[in-house]
Amino acid sequence: MVPKVPEEFSNVFDDEKYAQSLKYTKVTTKFGFADSTFNLVVFLLFWLLGGFGWLDGIVVTFDLSNPYVVVGLLIGGMLPYLFGSMGMQAVGRAGGAVVIEVRRQFKKIPWYHEKKTKT
């Protein structure tokens, strides 16, 4: 049984490509669930069998008189702002590229300006 393309997408997809995209979506979703479940089971088995026992002997001290701790706090506090700004710059560049491409298409294709009506 081939799934029917929704009415709003009838001019975008044909029936075969729509069915194929649904099949791919189902397969990748099932694979994601299986992979996540496997990772969880492996982690729990490792933990229950004492895999993290060697961590009990580590003593962690947090002392602000240690210069390494202070430098780590400063650098660690700056990292979210660094990656946030890098992400904002990337989004800005991508948005600018979209605007340039749309302007290019409007100049190149004259019938692009005409208003289209659904029949």
Protein backbone atom coordinates (compact mmCIF):
# COMPACT_ATOMS: atom_id res chain seq x y z
CA MET A 1 0.00 0.00 0.00
CA VAL A 2 1.46 3.31 -1.10
CA PRO A 3 0.75 6.23 1.24
CA LYS A 4 -1.11 9.14 -0.30
CA VAL A 5 0.63 12.50 -0.55
CA PRO A 6 -1.14 15.17 1.54
CA GLU A 7 -3.02 17.75 -0.52
CA GLU A 8 -0.73 20.65 0.42
CA PHE A 9 2.31 18.72 -0.86
CA SER A 10 0.77 17.34 -4.03
CA ASN A 11 2.68 19.78 -6.25
CA VAL A 12 5.99 19.01 -4.48
CA PHE A 13 6.09 15.20 -4.19
CA ASP A 14 4.91 12.38 -6.36
CA ASP A 15 3.54 9.25 -4.68
CA GLU A 16 6.67 7.11 -5.08
CA LYS A 17 9.11 9.67 -3.68
CA TYR A 18 6.76 10.43 -0.80
CA ALA A 19 6.49 6.72 0.08
CA GLN A 20 10.27 6.37 -0.16
CA SER A 21 10.88 9.36 2.12
CA LEU A 22 8.43 7.93 4.68
CA LYS A 23 10.22 4.58 4.52
CA TYR A 24 13.61 6.23 5.10
CA THR A 25 12.23 8.23 8.00
CA LYS A 26 10.81 5.10 9.66
CA VAL A 27 14.04 3.15 9.18
CA THR A 28 16.28 5.90 10.57
CA THR A 29 13.96 6.44 13.54
CA LYS A 30 14.03 2.72 14.35
CA PHE A 31 17.81 2.69 14.03
CA GLY A 32 18.08 5.68 16.36
CA PHE A 33 15.96 3.95 19.00
CA ALA A 34 17.94 0.72 18.68
CA ASP A 35 21.27 2.54 18.89
CA SER A 36 20.22 4.57 21.94
CA THR A 37 18.88 1.47 23.68
CA PHE A 38 22.09 -0.45 23.00
CA ASN A 39 24.21 2.42 24.35
CA LEU A 40 22.09 2.62 27.51
CA VAL A 41 22.33 -1.15 28.11
CA VAL A 42 26.12 -1.13 27.63
CA PHE A 43 26.51 1.83 30.00
CA LEU A 44 24.32 0.23 32.68
CA LEU A 45 26.10 -3.13 32.44
CA PHE A 46 29.48 -1.43 32.71
CA TRP A 47 28.31 0.53 35.72
CA LEU A 48 26.62 -2.42 37.48
CA LEU A 49 29.65 -4.66 36.99
CA GLY A 50 31.89 -2.17 38.77
CA GLY A 51 33.41 -0.46 35.77
CA PHE A 52 33.61 2.88 37.53
CA GLY A 53 35.09 1.56 40.77
CA TRP A 54 38.47 3.12 40.09
CA LEU A 55 36.88 6.57 40.42
CA ASP A 56 36.30 6.03 44.15
CA GLY A 57 39.98 6.51 44.96
CA ILE A 58 40.25 9.94 43.32
CA VAL A 59 40.12 12.86 45.75
CA VAL A 60 38.99 16.13 44.20
CA THR A 61 39.76 19.40 45.94
CA PHE A 62 38.36 22.74 44.85
CA ASP A 63 40.54 25.48 46.23
CA LEU A 64 40.50 29.04 44.88
CA SER A 65 44.06 29.60 46.05
CA ASN A 66 45.20 27.21 43.31
CA PRO A 67 45.95 29.28 40.16
CA TYR A 68 44.98 26.39 37.87
CA VAL A 69 41.49 26.38 39.37
CA VAL A 70 41.07 30.13 38.87
CA VAL A 71 42.32 29.99 35.26
CA GLY A 72 40.08 26.99 34.58
CA LEU A 73 37.08 28.87 35.95
CA LEU A 74 37.83 31.93 33.80
CA ILE A 75 38.36 29.96 30.61
CA GLY A 76 35.40 27.67 31.33
CA GLY A 77 33.21 30.71 31.99
CA MET A 78 34.22 32.29 28.68
CA LEU A 79 33.64 29.21 26.50
CA PRO A 80 29.81 29.42 26.32
CA TYR A 81 30.04 33.02 25.17
CA LEU A 82 32.71 32.13 22.60
CA PHE A 83 30.66 29.31 21.07
CA GLY A 84 27.48 31.38 21.26
CA SER A 85 29.10 34.21 19.33
CA MET A 86 30.54 31.79 16.78
CA GLY A 87 27.07 30.31 16.27
CA MET A 88 25.50 33.76 15.85
CA GLN A 89 28.14 34.74 13.28
CA ALA A 90 27.51 31.54 11.33
CA VAL A 91 23.75 32.16 11.30
CA GLY A 92 24.33 35.75 10.19
CA ARG A 93 26.57 34.64 7.31
CA ALA A 94 24.06 32.00 6.22
CA GLY A 95 21.20 34.53 6.34
CA GLY A 96 23.23 36.99 4.27
CA ALA A 97 23.96 34.28 1.71
CA VAL A 98 20.24 33.49 1.46
CA VAL A 99 19.41 37.16 0.87
CA ILE A 100 22.10 37.43 -1.84
CA GLU A 101 20.84 34.26 -3.56
CA VAL A 102 17.21 35.45 -3.50
CA ARG A 103 18.22 38.82 -4.98
CA ARG A 104 20.21 37.03 -7.68
CA GLN A 105 17.24 34.84 -8.57
CA PHE A 106 14.89 37.81 -8.68
CA LYS A 107 17.22 39.58 -11.11
CA LYS A 108 17.85 36.51 -13.25
CA ILE A 109 14.28 35.16 -13.53
CA PRO A 110 11.84 37.87 -14.68
CA TRP A 111 8.67 35.80 -14.25
CA TYR A 112 9.58 35.28 -10.58
CA HIS A 113 7.94 38.60 -9.73
CA GLU A 114 4.53 37.61 -11.06
CA LYS A 115 1.93 36.59 -8.52
CA LYS A 116 0.89 32.98 -8.83
CA THR A 117 -2.61 31.76 -8.10
CA LYS A 118 -3.63 28.19 -7.40
CA THR A 119 -5.88 26.60 -9.98
